[in-house]
N, C-alpha and C. Protein backbone atom coordinates (compact mmCIF):
# COMPACT_ATOMS: atom_id res chain seq x y z
N UNK A 1 -30.80 -83.23 -51.05
CA UNK A 1 -32.08 -82.55 -51.12
C UNK A 1 -32.01 -81.29 -50.28
N UNK A 2 -32.45 -80.18 -50.82
CA UNK A 2 -32.42 -78.91 -50.11
C UNK A 2 -33.59 -78.79 -49.16
N UNK A 3 -33.32 -78.17 -48.02
CA UNK A 3 -34.38 -77.96 -47.06
C UNK A 3 -35.35 -76.90 -47.56
N UNK A 4 -36.54 -76.86 -46.98
CA UNK A 4 -37.53 -75.87 -47.40
C UNK A 4 -37.03 -74.49 -47.03
N UNK A 5 -37.13 -73.57 -47.98
CA UNK A 5 -36.73 -72.20 -47.73
C UNK A 5 -35.24 -71.95 -47.87
N UNK A 6 -34.45 -72.97 -48.12
CA UNK A 6 -33.01 -72.79 -48.29
C UNK A 6 -32.70 -72.39 -49.73
N UNK A 7 -31.73 -71.52 -49.88
CA UNK A 7 -31.23 -71.21 -51.22
C UNK A 7 -29.72 -71.07 -51.13
N UNK A 8 -29.05 -71.35 -52.23
CA UNK A 8 -27.59 -71.35 -52.24
C UNK A 8 -27.05 -70.23 -53.10
N UNK A 9 -25.96 -69.63 -52.63
CA UNK A 9 -25.23 -68.62 -53.39
C UNK A 9 -23.86 -69.19 -53.74
N UNK A 10 -23.46 -69.05 -54.98
CA UNK A 10 -22.17 -69.58 -55.43
C UNK A 10 -21.05 -68.70 -54.88
N UNK A 11 -20.10 -69.32 -54.16
CA UNK A 11 -18.92 -68.63 -53.66
C UNK A 11 -17.76 -68.74 -54.65
N UNK A 12 -17.63 -69.90 -55.27
CA UNK A 12 -16.56 -70.13 -56.25
C UNK A 12 -16.99 -71.27 -57.15
N UNK A 13 -16.53 -71.19 -58.41
CA UNK A 13 -16.87 -72.24 -59.37
C UNK A 13 -15.70 -72.42 -60.32
N UNK A 14 -15.35 -73.66 -60.57
CA UNK A 14 -14.28 -73.98 -61.50
C UNK A 14 -14.70 -75.13 -62.39
N UNK A 15 -13.76 -75.62 -63.22
CA UNK A 15 -14.10 -76.69 -64.15
C UNK A 15 -14.44 -78.02 -63.48
N UNK A 16 -13.97 -78.24 -62.24
CA UNK A 16 -14.22 -79.54 -61.61
C UNK A 16 -14.86 -79.43 -60.23
N UNK A 17 -15.11 -78.21 -59.75
CA UNK A 17 -15.68 -78.07 -58.40
C UNK A 17 -16.49 -76.78 -58.30
N UNK A 18 -17.40 -76.79 -57.32
CA UNK A 18 -18.20 -75.60 -57.03
C UNK A 18 -18.39 -75.52 -55.52
N UNK A 19 -18.29 -74.30 -54.98
CA UNK A 19 -18.51 -74.07 -53.55
C UNK A 19 -19.67 -73.09 -53.43
N UNK A 20 -20.69 -73.50 -52.67
CA UNK A 20 -21.85 -72.65 -52.45
C UNK A 20 -22.12 -72.51 -50.96
N UNK A 21 -22.79 -71.42 -50.61
CA UNK A 21 -23.22 -71.21 -49.22
C UNK A 21 -24.74 -71.28 -49.19
N UNK A 22 -25.25 -72.11 -48.32
CA UNK A 22 -26.69 -72.27 -48.17
C UNK A 22 -27.19 -71.19 -47.20
N UNK A 23 -28.41 -70.76 -47.38
CA UNK A 23 -28.98 -69.75 -46.50
C UNK A 23 -29.10 -70.25 -45.06
N UNK A 24 -29.05 -71.57 -44.86
CA UNK A 24 -29.09 -72.12 -43.49
C UNK A 24 -27.70 -72.14 -42.84
N UNK A 25 -26.66 -71.71 -43.60
CA UNK A 25 -25.33 -71.55 -43.01
C UNK A 25 -24.29 -72.57 -43.43
N UNK A 26 -24.69 -73.66 -44.02
CA UNK A 26 -23.72 -74.67 -44.43
C UNK A 26 -23.03 -74.28 -45.74
N UNK A 27 -21.82 -74.79 -45.89
CA UNK A 27 -21.06 -74.63 -47.12
C UNK A 27 -21.12 -75.97 -47.84
N UNK A 28 -21.38 -75.94 -49.13
CA UNK A 28 -21.45 -77.15 -49.94
C UNK A 28 -20.30 -77.15 -50.93
N UNK A 29 -19.46 -78.18 -50.88
CA UNK A 29 -18.36 -78.36 -51.80
C UNK A 29 -18.73 -79.51 -52.72
N UNK A 30 -18.96 -79.20 -53.99
CA UNK A 30 -19.34 -80.21 -54.98
C UNK A 30 -18.15 -80.47 -55.88
N UNK A 31 -17.73 -81.74 -55.94
CA UNK A 31 -16.65 -82.18 -56.82
C UNK A 31 -17.22 -83.35 -57.62
N UNK A 32 -17.48 -83.09 -58.90
CA UNK A 32 -18.12 -84.12 -59.71
C UNK A 32 -19.46 -84.50 -59.10
N UNK A 33 -19.73 -85.80 -58.94
CA UNK A 33 -21.01 -86.24 -58.42
C UNK A 33 -21.10 -86.23 -56.89
N UNK A 34 -20.02 -85.80 -56.21
CA UNK A 34 -19.98 -85.84 -54.75
C UNK A 34 -20.11 -84.43 -54.18
N UNK A 35 -20.99 -84.26 -53.20
CA UNK A 35 -21.13 -82.98 -52.51
C UNK A 35 -20.91 -83.19 -51.03
N UNK A 36 -20.02 -82.37 -50.44
CA UNK A 36 -19.76 -82.40 -49.01
C UNK A 36 -20.41 -81.17 -48.38
N UNK A 37 -21.10 -81.36 -47.28
CA UNK A 37 -21.68 -80.26 -46.53
C UNK A 37 -20.74 -79.98 -45.36
N UNK A 38 -20.20 -78.78 -45.32
CA UNK A 38 -19.16 -78.43 -44.36
C UNK A 38 -19.52 -77.18 -43.58
N UNK A 39 -18.89 -77.03 -42.43
CA UNK A 39 -18.93 -75.78 -41.70
C UNK A 39 -17.79 -74.91 -42.22
N UNK A 40 -17.89 -73.60 -42.03
CA UNK A 40 -16.88 -72.69 -42.58
C UNK A 40 -15.47 -73.03 -42.10
N UNK A 41 -15.30 -73.32 -40.81
CA UNK A 41 -13.95 -73.60 -40.30
C UNK A 41 -13.38 -74.89 -40.90
N UNK A 42 -14.22 -75.84 -41.20
CA UNK A 42 -13.76 -77.09 -41.82
C UNK A 42 -13.36 -76.82 -43.27
N UNK A 43 -14.12 -75.98 -43.98
CA UNK A 43 -13.74 -75.61 -45.35
C UNK A 43 -12.38 -74.92 -45.35
N UNK A 44 -12.16 -74.01 -44.42
CA UNK A 44 -10.86 -73.33 -44.33
C UNK A 44 -9.73 -74.33 -44.06
N UNK A 45 -9.94 -75.24 -43.12
CA UNK A 45 -8.92 -76.25 -42.81
C UNK A 45 -8.66 -77.15 -44.01
N UNK A 46 -9.71 -77.53 -44.73
CA UNK A 46 -9.56 -78.33 -45.93
C UNK A 46 -8.76 -77.58 -46.98
N UNK A 47 -9.03 -76.29 -47.14
CA UNK A 47 -8.28 -75.47 -48.08
C UNK A 47 -6.80 -75.43 -47.76
N UNK A 48 -6.46 -75.28 -46.48
CA UNK A 48 -5.06 -75.27 -46.07
C UNK A 48 -4.40 -76.63 -46.36
N UNK A 49 -5.12 -77.70 -46.11
CA UNK A 49 -4.58 -79.04 -46.36
C UNK A 49 -4.33 -79.26 -47.85
N UNK A 50 -5.27 -78.83 -48.69
CA UNK A 50 -5.11 -78.98 -50.13
C UNK A 50 -3.94 -78.14 -50.63
N UNK A 51 -3.81 -76.90 -50.13
CA UNK A 51 -2.68 -76.06 -50.53
C UNK A 51 -1.34 -76.68 -50.12
N UNK A 52 -1.29 -77.27 -48.93
CA UNK A 52 -0.08 -77.94 -48.47
C UNK A 52 0.27 -79.12 -49.39
N UNK A 53 -0.73 -79.87 -49.79
CA UNK A 53 -0.50 -81.00 -50.69
C UNK A 53 0.03 -80.52 -52.03
N UNK A 54 -0.53 -79.43 -52.55
CA UNK A 54 -0.07 -78.88 -53.83
C UNK A 54 1.38 -78.42 -53.72
N UNK A 55 1.72 -77.76 -52.61
CA UNK A 55 3.10 -77.32 -52.40
C UNK A 55 4.06 -78.50 -52.38
N UNK A 56 3.68 -79.56 -51.69
CA UNK A 56 4.54 -80.74 -51.62
C UNK A 56 4.68 -81.41 -52.98
N UNK A 57 3.59 -81.43 -53.76
CA UNK A 57 3.68 -81.98 -55.11
C UNK A 57 4.64 -81.16 -55.96
N UNK A 58 4.56 -79.83 -55.83
CA UNK A 58 5.45 -78.97 -56.61
C UNK A 58 6.90 -79.11 -56.16
N UNK A 59 7.13 -79.23 -54.87
CA UNK A 59 8.48 -79.44 -54.35
C UNK A 59 9.03 -80.77 -54.83
N UNK A 60 8.16 -81.77 -54.93
CA UNK A 60 8.57 -83.11 -55.32
C UNK A 60 8.61 -83.32 -56.81
N UNK A 61 8.47 -82.26 -57.60
CA UNK A 61 8.45 -82.43 -59.05
C UNK A 61 9.82 -82.78 -59.61
N UNK A 62 10.88 -82.55 -58.84
CA UNK A 62 12.23 -82.92 -59.26
C UNK A 62 12.43 -84.40 -59.01
N UNK A 63 12.98 -85.16 -59.96
CA UNK A 63 13.13 -86.63 -59.80
C UNK A 63 13.88 -87.03 -58.54
N UNK A 64 14.89 -86.28 -58.11
CA UNK A 64 15.65 -86.64 -56.90
C UNK A 64 14.76 -86.61 -55.67
N UNK A 65 13.86 -85.65 -55.61
CA UNK A 65 12.93 -85.58 -54.48
C UNK A 65 12.02 -86.79 -54.43
N UNK A 66 11.53 -87.20 -55.58
CA UNK A 66 10.61 -88.34 -55.63
C UNK A 66 11.31 -89.62 -55.17
N UNK A 67 12.58 -89.81 -55.56
CA UNK A 67 13.31 -91.02 -55.15
C UNK A 67 13.55 -91.02 -53.65
N UNK A 68 13.91 -89.87 -53.07
CA UNK A 68 14.16 -89.79 -51.63
C UNK A 68 12.87 -90.03 -50.86
N UNK A 69 11.77 -89.47 -51.31
CA UNK A 69 10.50 -89.64 -50.62
C UNK A 69 10.00 -91.07 -50.72
N UNK A 70 10.27 -91.74 -51.82
CA UNK A 70 9.81 -93.12 -52.00
C UNK A 70 10.49 -94.06 -51.01
N UNK A 71 11.71 -93.74 -50.59
CA UNK A 71 12.42 -94.62 -49.68
C UNK A 71 12.08 -94.35 -48.21
N UNK A 72 11.42 -93.22 -47.92
CA UNK A 72 11.06 -92.88 -46.55
C UNK A 72 9.60 -93.24 -46.29
N UNK A 73 9.29 -93.85 -45.13
CA UNK A 73 7.89 -94.15 -44.81
C UNK A 73 7.13 -92.86 -44.54
N UNK A 74 5.84 -92.83 -44.88
CA UNK A 74 5.01 -91.67 -44.62
C UNK A 74 4.65 -91.61 -43.15
N UNK A 75 4.75 -90.42 -42.57
CA UNK A 75 4.39 -90.22 -41.17
C UNK A 75 2.93 -89.83 -41.09
N UNK A 76 2.23 -90.37 -40.13
CA UNK A 76 0.82 -90.02 -39.93
C UNK A 76 0.75 -88.66 -39.26
N UNK A 77 -0.20 -87.81 -39.64
CA UNK A 77 -0.33 -86.50 -39.00
C UNK A 77 -0.74 -86.65 -37.55
N UNK A 78 -0.28 -85.71 -36.72
CA UNK A 78 -0.56 -85.78 -35.29
C UNK A 78 -2.03 -85.52 -35.01
N UNK A 79 -2.62 -84.57 -35.73
CA UNK A 79 -4.04 -84.28 -35.53
C UNK A 79 -4.68 -84.04 -36.88
N UNK A 80 -5.97 -84.24 -36.93
CA UNK A 80 -6.73 -83.96 -38.15
C UNK A 80 -7.09 -82.49 -38.18
N UNK A 81 -7.01 -81.88 -39.34
CA UNK A 81 -7.38 -80.47 -39.47
C UNK A 81 -8.87 -80.31 -39.29
N UNK A 82 -9.26 -79.19 -38.67
CA UNK A 82 -10.67 -78.84 -38.61
C UNK A 82 -11.40 -79.26 -37.35
N UNK A 83 -10.80 -80.07 -36.51
CA UNK A 83 -11.49 -80.50 -35.30
C UNK A 83 -10.62 -80.22 -34.08
N UNK A 84 -11.15 -79.58 -33.07
CA UNK A 84 -10.35 -79.20 -31.91
C UNK A 84 -9.77 -80.38 -31.15
N UNK A 85 -10.41 -81.53 -31.16
CA UNK A 85 -9.91 -82.66 -30.40
C UNK A 85 -9.05 -83.60 -31.25
N UNK A 86 -8.74 -83.20 -32.48
CA UNK A 86 -7.89 -84.01 -33.34
C UNK A 86 -8.65 -85.03 -34.17
N UNK A 87 -9.96 -85.15 -34.03
CA UNK A 87 -10.75 -86.07 -34.82
C UNK A 87 -11.53 -85.34 -35.89
N UNK A 88 -12.26 -86.07 -36.67
CA UNK A 88 -13.05 -85.46 -37.74
C UNK A 88 -14.38 -84.98 -37.19
N UNK A 89 -14.80 -83.81 -37.66
CA UNK A 89 -16.11 -83.28 -37.27
C UNK A 89 -17.16 -83.78 -38.25
N UNK A 90 -18.33 -84.04 -37.76
CA UNK A 90 -19.44 -84.44 -38.63
C UNK A 90 -20.59 -83.49 -38.47
């Protein structure tokens, strides 16, 4: 639900997502039926994380890469993106 007096401007729109900026300063990322309300720095950190994931998917498109990665355990990231203390911001 939008606050009184708030209006949104579309920053980007695609076939599966939309990013808008509310006049109160929040960024809204809508993906299907889910909308996340984010601060600008969190949106930027999320964008970097998504780009990194896409790069890794593209690097792993060769079958030999997929087999090697399947045999190695996944390492947990040292810190979460977007929060100065390593945790998630709300």
